[in-house]
Amino acid sequence: MTGQRIITVYTDYKSPYAYLAKDLAYALESDFAVRLDWRPYILDIPSYLGSARVDASGAVLEESRNAHQWRRVRYSYMDCRRQARLRGLTIRGTQKIWDSSLASAGMLFAQQAGDAVFRLYHDAVFERFWRRALDIESIDALAELLSECGADASGFPPLVDTLCQEVATISRNAEAAGVFGVPTFVLEGEIYWGREHLSDIRDWLAAGATSGQRHRD
């Protein structure tokens, strides 16, 4: 597409905020001459929110969080569930802090298989993980999902280590560029963190602004 801009989107399957932003980000491609370049960014949640493990009923089995961190976590899930209900989505609180590296490796593998496979995989991982219906730390479960989405998943397990290294490199490069959370959108060098900034991006694209015309606070 002539004049098509690239918007880099950093995402992490274990972030409910990234899940809520996904479909809104897709809409940018439908409404404007842009292409989304989806990239993994693995959040180090314990470094700023501590860690905890709970059972199916929500009882805390082990924890490393102070009272302030617990308040933040509880509010975040309450807020995300509130937004999810408005859109018919399901977000169930997780029982531990998951390592999303393998699922992100699957994301890179799905992208290599084409846009259609990637979209199916991306949607399915988010939707099933937040229903507690997918183990994103299982190579077998992710390979099965990749196959379901149309990829030749036999090639996934042998490439897992290489792909996970690529995920880590992408994450570190993102941090060097100023990324610290998800969802993050990068448009012509400017960083926008959070789905609330999608309206700013839409305004920017609708106005047909050039980098020298963008509004800055």
C-alpha atoms as a PDB file:
ATOM      1  CA  MET A   1       0.000   0.000   0.000  1.00  0.00           C
ATOM      2  CA  THR A   2       1.428   3.359  -1.070  1.00  0.00           C
ATOM      3  CA  GLY A   3       2.289   5.584   1.874  1.00  0.00           C
ATOM      4  CA  GLN A   4       1.706   2.794   4.368  1.00  0.00           C
ATOM      5  CA  ARG A   5       3.192   3.528   7.776  1.00  0.00           C
ATOM      6  CA  ILE A   6       4.498   0.927  10.187  1.00  0.00           C
ATOM      7  CA  ILE A   7       3.320   0.920  13.793  1.00  0.00           C
ATOM      8  CA  THR A   8       5.376  -1.321  16.042  1.00  0.00           C
ATOM      9  CA  VAL A   9       3.294  -2.933  18.773  1.00  0.00           C
ATOM     10  CA  TYR A  10       4.963  -4.502  21.803  1.00  0.00           C
ATOM     11  CA  THR A  11       2.772  -7.038  23.566  1.00  0.00           C
ATOM     12  CA  ASP A  12       2.878  -9.769  26.202  1.00  0.00           C
ATOM     13  CA  TYR A  13       0.323 -12.559  26.504  1.00  0.00           C
ATOM     14  CA  LYS A  14       0.333 -12.402  30.303  1.00  0.00           C
ATOM     15  CA  SER A  15      -0.794  -8.759  30.293  1.00  0.00           C
ATOM     16  CA  PRO A  16      -4.561  -8.224  30.478  1.00  0.00           C
ATOM     17  CA  TYR A  17      -4.029  -4.672  29.259  1.00  0.00           C
ATOM     18  CA  ALA A  18      -2.305  -5.989  26.138  1.00  0.00           C
ATOM     19  CA  TYR A  19      -5.278  -8.313  25.588  1.00  0.00           C
ATOM     20  CA  LEU A  20      -7.720  -5.430  25.825  1.00  0.00           C
ATOM     21  CA  ALA A  21      -5.660  -3.396  23.342  1.00  0.00           C
ATOM     22  CA  LYS A  22      -5.325  -6.125  20.702  1.00  0.00           C
ATOM     23  CA  ASP A  23      -8.564  -5.704  18.763  1.00  0.00           C
ATOM     24  CA  LEU A  24      -8.408  -1.918  19.047  1.00  0.00           C
ATOM     25  CA  ALA A  25      -4.956  -2.065  17.484  1.00  0.00           C
ATOM     26  CA  TYR A  26      -6.215  -4.322  14.674  1.00  0.00           C
ATOM     27  CA  ALA A  27      -8.750  -1.636  13.805  1.00  0.00           C
ATOM     28  CA  LEU A  28      -5.948   0.768  12.909  1.00  0.00           C
ATOM     29  CA  GLU A  29      -5.055  -1.440   9.940  1.00  0.00           C
ATOM     30  CA  SER A  30      -8.687  -1.456   8.837  1.00  0.00           C
ATOM     31  CA  ASP A  31      -9.132   2.293   9.101  1.00  0.00           C
ATOM     32  CA  PHE A  32      -5.779   3.687   7.987  1.00  0.00           C
ATOM     33  CA  ALA A  33      -2.885   2.995   5.614  1.00  0.00           C
ATOM     34  CA  VAL A  34      -0.788   1.372   8.332  1.00  0.00           C
ATOM     35  CA  ARG A  35       0.682  -2.024   9.059  1.00  0.00           C
ATOM     36  CA  LEU A  36       1.182  -3.344  12.571  1.00  0.00           C
ATOM     37  CA  ASP A  37       4.538  -4.905  13.362  1.00  0.00           C
ATOM     38  CA  TRP A  38       3.772  -7.077  16.397  1.00  0.00           C
ATOM     39  CA  ARG A  39       6.732  -7.789  18.656  1.00  0.00           C
ATOM     40  CA  PRO A  40       7.052  -9.596  22.004  1.00  0.00           C
ATOM     41  CA  TYR A  41       8.094  -7.776  25.140  1.00  0.00           C
ATOM     42  CA  ILE A  42       8.394 -10.010  28.185  1.00  0.00           C
ATOM     43  CA  LEU A  43       7.314  -8.204  31.334  1.00  0.00           C
ATOM     44  CA  ASP A  44       9.350  -8.729  34.492  1.00  0.00           C
ATOM     45  CA  ILE A  45       6.324  -8.424  36.760  1.00  0.00           C
ATOM     46  CA  PRO A  46       8.007  -9.457  40.036  1.00  0.00           C
ATOM     47  CA  SER A  47      10.461  -6.573  39.715  1.00  0.00           C
ATOM     48  CA  TYR A  48       7.700  -4.006  40.242  1.00  0.00           C
ATOM     49  CA  LEU A  49       4.626  -5.869  41.512  1.00  0.00           C
ATOM     50  CA  GLY A  50       6.187  -8.695  43.459  1.00  0.00           C
ATOM     51  CA  SER A  51       5.031 -12.265  42.964  1.00  0.00           C
ATOM     52  CA  ALA A  52       2.399 -14.613  44.357  1.00  0.00           C
ATOM     53  CA  ARG A  53       0.794 -17.987  43.761  1.00  0.00           C
ATOM     54  CA  VAL A  54      -2.836 -18.731  44.563  1.00  0.00           C
ATOM     55  CA  ASP A  55      -5.074 -21.789  44.357  1.00  0.00           C
ATOM     56  CA  ALA A  56      -8.220 -22.146  42.263  1.00  0.00           C
ATOM     57  CA  SER A  57     -10.303 -20.417  44.953  1.00  0.00           C
ATOM     58  CA  GLY A  58      -7.950 -17.443  45.154  1.00  0.00           C
ATOM     59  CA  ALA A  59      -6.352 -18.352  48.462  1.00  0.00           C
ATOM     60  CA  VAL A  60      -2.724 -17.228  48.614  1.00  0.00           C
ATOM     61  CA  LEU A  61      -0.294 -20.147  48.724  1.00  0.00           C
ATOM     62  CA  GLU A  62       2.918 -18.112  48.634  1.00  0.00           C
ATOM     63  CA  GLU A  63       3.723 -14.465  48.119  1.00  0.00           C
ATOM     64  CA  SER A  64       6.406 -11.844  47.871  1.00  0.00           C
ATOM     65  CA  ARG A  65       4.345  -8.648  47.753  1.00  0.00           C
ATOM     66  CA  ASN A  66       3.821  -5.712  50.056  1.00  0.00           C
ATOM     67  CA  ALA A  67       0.404  -4.205  50.779  1.00  0.00           C
ATOM     68  CA  HIS A  68       0.799  -1.501  48.155  1.00  0.00           C
ATOM     69  CA  GLN A  69       1.621  -4.046  45.457  1.00  0.00           C
ATOM     70  CA  TRP A  70      -1.402  -6.154  46.382  1.00  0.00           C
ATOM     71  CA  ARG A  71      -3.664  -3.107  46.085  1.00  0.00           C
ATOM     72  CA  ARG A  72      -2.249  -2.344  42.634  1.00  0.00           C
ATOM     73  CA  VAL A  73      -2.668  -5.919  41.438  1.00  0.00           C
ATOM     74  CA  ARG A  74      -6.233  -6.210  42.725  1.00  0.00           C
ATOM     75  CA  TYR A  75      -7.220  -2.902  41.195  1.00  0.00           C
ATOM     76  CA  SER A  76      -5.632  -3.827  37.858  1.00  0.00           C
ATOM     77  CA  TYR A  77      -7.627  -7.041  37.574  1.00  0.00           C
ATOM     78  CA  MET A  78     -10.824  -5.329  38.690  1.00  0.00           C
ATOM     79  CA  ASP A  79     -10.310  -2.599  36.103  1.00  0.00           C
ATOM     80  CA  CYS A  80      -9.481  -5.050  33.319  1.00  0.00           C
ATOM     81  CA  ARG A  81     -12.465  -7.274  34.084  1.00  0.00           C
ATOM     82  CA  ARG A  82     -14.711  -4.210  34.070  1.00  0.00           C
ATOM     83  CA  GLN A  83     -13.458  -3.223  30.611  1.00  0.00           C
ATOM     84  CA  ALA A  84     -13.572  -6.819  29.375  1.00  0.00           C
ATOM     85  CA  ARG A  85     -17.247  -7.219  30.336  1.00  0.00           C
ATOM     86  CA  LEU A  86     -18.151  -4.231  28.172  1.00  0.00           C
ATOM     87  CA  ARG A  87     -16.670  -6.060  25.170  1.00  0.00           C
ATOM     88  CA  GLY A  88     -17.815  -9.590  25.924  1.00  0.00           C
ATOM     89  CA  LEU A  89     -14.334 -10.802  26.844  1.00  0.00           C
ATOM     90  CA  THR A  90     -13.310 -13.037  29.735  1.00  0.00           C
ATOM     91  CA  ILE A  91     -10.379 -12.180  31.989  1.00  0.00           C
ATOM     92  CA  ARG A  92      -9.797 -14.484  34.933  1.00  0.00           C
ATOM     93  CA  GLY A  93      -7.084 -13.677  37.430  1.00  0.00           C
ATOM     94  CA  THR A  94      -4.018 -15.854  36.999  1.00  0.00           C
ATOM     95  CA  GLN A  95      -2.864 -18.229  39.715  1.00  0.00           C
ATOM     96  CA  LYS A  96       0.814 -17.374  39.321  1.00  0.00           C
ATOM     97  CA  ILE A  97       3.100 -15.139  37.288  1.00  0.00           C
ATOM     98  CA  TRP A  98       3.565 -17.023  34.053  1.00  0.00           C
ATOM     99  CA  ASP A  99       6.643 -17.104  31.860  1.00  0.00           C
ATOM    100  CA  SER A 100       5.309 -16.017  28.475  1.00  0.00           C
ATOM    101  CA  SER A 101       8.571 -16.599  26.594  1.00  0.00           C
ATOM    102  CA  LEU A 102       7.434 -19.843  24.933  1.00  0.00           C
ATOM    103  CA  ALA A 103       4.125 -18.356  23.823  1.00  0.00           C
ATOM    104  CA  SER A 104       6.033 -15.401  22.392  1.00  0.00           C
ATOM    105  CA  ALA A 105       8.362 -17.810  20.601  1.00  0.00           C
ATOM    106  CA  GLY A 106       5.203 -19.340  19.143  1.00  0.00           C
ATOM    107  CA  MET A 107       4.169 -15.857  18.061  1.00  0.00           C
ATOM    108  CA  LEU A 108       7.377 -15.450  16.042  1.00  0.00           C
ATOM    109  CA  PHE A 109       6.907 -18.919  14.550  1.00  0.00           C
ATOM    110  CA  ALA A 110       3.312 -18.086  13.606  1.00  0.00           C
ATOM    111  CA  GLN A 111       4.435 -14.862  11.943  1.00  0.00           C
ATOM    112  CA  GLN A 112       6.812 -16.861   9.758  1.00  0.00           C
ATOM    113  CA  ALA A 113       3.835 -18.936   8.643  1.00  0.00           C
ATOM    114  CA  GLY A 114       1.960 -15.881   7.376  1.00  0.00           C
ATOM    115  CA  ASP A 115      -0.441 -13.176   8.487  1.00  0.00           C
ATOM    116  CA  ALA A 116      -3.492 -15.448   8.627  1.00  0.00           C
ATOM    117  CA  VAL A 117      -1.774 -17.994  10.876  1.00  0.00           C
ATOM    118  CA  PHE A 118      -0.388 -15.249  13.082  1.00  0.00           C
ATOM    119  CA  ARG A 119      -3.780 -13.613  13.576  1.00  0.00           C
ATOM    120  CA  LEU A 120      -5.434 -16.905  14.500  1.00  0.00           C
ATOM    121  CA  TYR A 121      -2.633 -17.803  16.909  1.00  0.00           C
ATOM    122  CA  HIS A 122      -2.463 -14.335  18.464  1.00  0.00           C
ATOM    123  CA  ASP A 123      -6.203 -14.255  19.092  1.00  0.00           C
ATOM    124  CA  ALA A 124      -6.334 -17.811  20.420  1.00  0.00           C
ATOM    125  CA  VAL A 125      -3.436 -17.458  22.865  1.00  0.00           C
ATOM    126  CA  PHE A 126      -4.894 -14.333  24.450  1.00  0.00           C
ATOM    127  CA  GLU A 127      -8.455 -15.642  24.568  1.00  0.00           C
ATOM    128  CA  ARG A 128      -7.629 -19.087  25.928  1.00  0.00           C
ATOM    129  CA  PHE A 129      -4.943 -17.997  28.361  1.00  0.00           C
ATOM    130  CA  TRP A 130      -7.269 -15.503  30.030  1.00  0.00           C
ATOM    131  CA  ARG A 131      -9.940 -18.192  30.346  1.00  0.00           C
ATOM    132  CA  ARG A 132      -7.276 -20.431  31.987  1.00  0.00           C
ATOM    133  CA  ALA A 133      -7.688 -22.817  29.043  1.00  0.00           C
ATOM    134  CA  LEU A 134      -4.112 -22.768  27.705  1.00  0.00           C
ATOM    135  CA  ASP A 135      -0.792 -23.595  29.341  1.00  0.00           C
ATOM    136  CA  ILE A 136       1.532 -21.037  27.762  1.00  0.00           C
ATOM    137  CA  GLU A 137       4.547 -22.735  29.346  1.00  0.00           C
ATOM    138  CA  SER A 138       3.908 -26.006  27.470  1.00  0.00           C
ATOM    139  CA  ILE A 139       5.690 -26.573  24.167  1.00  0.00           C
ATOM    140  CA  ASP A 140       3.244 -29.365  23.317  1.00  0.00           C
ATOM    141  CA  ALA A 141       0.182 -27.203  23.985  1.00  0.00           C
ATOM    142  CA  LEU A 142       1.558 -24.360  21.898  1.00  0.00           C
ATOM    143  CA  ALA A 143       2.584 -26.685  19.061  1.00  0.00           C
ATOM    144  CA  GLU A 144      -0.932 -28.126  19.046  1.00  0.00           C
ATOM    145  CA  LEU A 145      -2.372 -24.628  18.846  1.00  0.00           C
ATOM    146  CA  LEU A 146       0.004 -23.638  16.037  1.00  0.00           C
ATOM    147  CA  SER A 147      -1.135 -26.683  14.087  1.00  0.00           C
ATOM    148  CA  GLU A 148      -4.771 -25.788  14.741  1.00  0.00           C
ATOM    149  CA  CYS A 149      -4.077 -22.319  13.349  1.00  0.00           C
ATOM    150  CA  GLY A 150      -2.621 -23.699  10.116  1.00  0.00           C
ATOM    151  CA  ALA A 151       1.123 -23.792  10.756  1.00  0.00           C
ATOM    152  CA  ASP A 152       3.371 -26.807  10.225  1.00  0.00           C
ATOM    153  CA  ALA A 153       3.992 -27.153  13.945  1.00  0.00           C
ATOM    154  CA  SER A 154       6.485 -29.987  13.573  1.00  0.00           C
ATOM    155  CA  GLY A 155       9.146 -27.341  13.094  1.00  0.00           C
ATOM    156  CA  PHE A 156       8.330 -25.490  16.308  1.00  0.00           C
ATOM    157  CA  PRO A 157       9.912 -27.649  19.048  1.00  0.00           C
ATOM    158  CA  PRO A 158      13.354 -27.814  17.372  1.00  0.00           C
ATOM    159  CA  LEU A 159      13.376 -24.023  17.031  1.00  0.00           C
ATOM    160  CA  VAL A 160      12.134 -23.185  20.534  1.00  0.00           C
ATOM    161  CA  ASP A 161      15.534 -22.308  22.018  1.00  0.00           C
ATOM    162  CA  THR A 162      16.488 -20.121  19.061  1.00  0.00           C
ATOM    163  CA  LEU A 163      13.122 -18.387  19.053  1.00  0.00           C
ATOM    164  CA  CYS A 164      13.247 -17.768  22.811  1.00  0.00           C
ATOM    165  CA  GLN A 165      16.664 -16.178  22.379  1.00  0.00           C
ATOM    166  CA  GLU A 166      15.159 -13.964  19.669  1.00  0.00           C
ATOM    167  CA  VAL A 167      12.303 -13.023  22.005  1.00  0.00           C
ATOM    168  CA  ALA A 168      14.834 -12.026  24.687  1.00  0.00           C
ATOM    169  CA  THR A 169      16.848  -9.975  22.180  1.00  0.00           C
ATOM    170  CA  ILE A 170      13.737  -8.160  20.958  1.00  0.00           C
ATOM    171  CA  SER A 171      12.778  -7.372  24.549  1.00  0.00           C
ATOM    172  CA  ARG A 172      16.234  -6.031  25.439  1.00  0.00           C
ATOM    173  CA  ASN A 173      16.372  -3.945  22.241  1.00  0.00           C
ATOM    174  CA  ALA A 174      12.945  -2.555  23.079  1.00  0.00           C
ATOM    175  CA  GLU A 175      14.177  -1.515  26.508  1.00  0.00           C
ATOM    176  CA  ALA A 176      17.186   0.190  24.938  1.00  0.00           C
ATOM    177  CA  ALA A 177      14.729   2.193  22.835  1.00  0.00           C
ATOM    178  CA  GLY A 178      12.726   3.234  25.912  1.00  0.00           C
ATOM    179  CA  VAL A 179      10.002   0.579  26.122  1.00  0.00           C
ATOM    180  CA  PHE A 180       9.084  -0.488  29.657  1.00  0.00           C
ATOM    181  CA  GLY A 181       5.585  -1.964  29.474  1.00  0.00           C
ATOM    182  CA  VAL A 182       2.770  -3.223  27.260  1.00  0.00           C
ATOM    183  CA  PRO A 183       0.926  -2.436  25.196  1.00  0.00           C
ATOM    184  CA  THR A 184       3.407  -0.015  23.685  1.00  0.00           C
ATOM    185  CA  PHE A 185       3.007   1.509  20.245  1.00  0.00           C
ATOM    186  CA  VAL A 186       5.901   3.084  18.366  1.00  0.00           C
ATOM    187  CA  LEU A 187       5.093   5.332  15.425  1.00  0.00           C
ATOM    188  CA  GLU A 188       7.926   7.070  13.596  1.00  0.00           C
ATOM    189  CA  GLY A 189      10.123   6.991  16.673  1.00  0.00           C
ATOM    190  CA  GLU A 190       7.525   8.173  19.175  1.00  0.00           C
ATOM    191  CA  ILE A 191       6.504   5.857  22.011  1.00  0.00           C
ATOM    192  CA  TYR A 192       2.901   5.588  23.221  1.00  0.00           C
ATOM    193  CA  TRP A 193       2.303   3.355  26.253  1.00  0.00           C
ATOM    194  CA  GLY A 194      -1.188   2.093  26.970  1.00  0.00           C
ATOM    195  CA  ARG A 195      -4.325   1.548  24.912  1.00  0.00           C
ATOM    196  CA  GLU A 196      -5.645   4.958  25.991  1.00  0.00           C
ATOM    197  CA  HIS A 197      -3.158   6.480  23.540  1.00  0.00           C
ATOM    198  CA  LEU A 198      -4.751   4.713  20.586  1.00  0.00           C
ATOM    199  CA  SER A 199      -7.068   7.704  20.273  1.00  0.00           C
ATOM    200  CA  ASP A 200      -4.018   9.964  19.971  1.00  0.00           C
ATOM    201  CA  ILE A 201      -2.574   7.703  17.287  1.00  0.00           C
ATOM    202  CA  ARG A 202      -5.900   7.737  15.455  1.00  0.00           C
ATOM    203  CA  ASP A 203      -6.016  11.537  15.570  1.00  0.00           C
ATOM    204  CA  TRP A 204      -2.437  11.680  14.313  1.00  0.00           C
ATOM    205  CA  LEU A 205      -3.172   9.349  11.402  1.00  0.00           C
ATOM    206  CA  ALA A 206      -6.477  11.021  10.547  1.00  0.00           C
ATOM    207  CA  ALA A 207      -4.769  14.388  10.357  1.00  0.00           C
ATOM    208  CA  GLY A 208      -2.178  12.983   7.969  1.00  0.00           C
ATOM    209  CA  ALA A 209       0.545  14.584  10.076  1.00  0.00           C
ATOM    210  CA  THR A 210       4.215  14.345   9.276  1.00  0.00           C
ATOM    211  CA  SER A 211       6.796  13.876  12.008  1.00  0.00           C
ATOM    212  CA  GLY A 212       7.470  17.597  12.031  1.00  0.00           C
ATOM    213  CA  GLN A 213       3.787  18.438  12.495  1.00  0.00           C
ATOM    214  CA  ARG A 214       3.001  16.207  15.448  1.00  0.00           C
ATOM    215  CA  HIS A 215       1.636  17.855  18.525  1.00  0.00           C
ATOM    216  CA  ARG A 216       3.907  17.622  21.540  1.00  0.00           C
ATOM    217  CA  ASP A 217       2.948  18.484  25.108  1.00  0.00           C
END
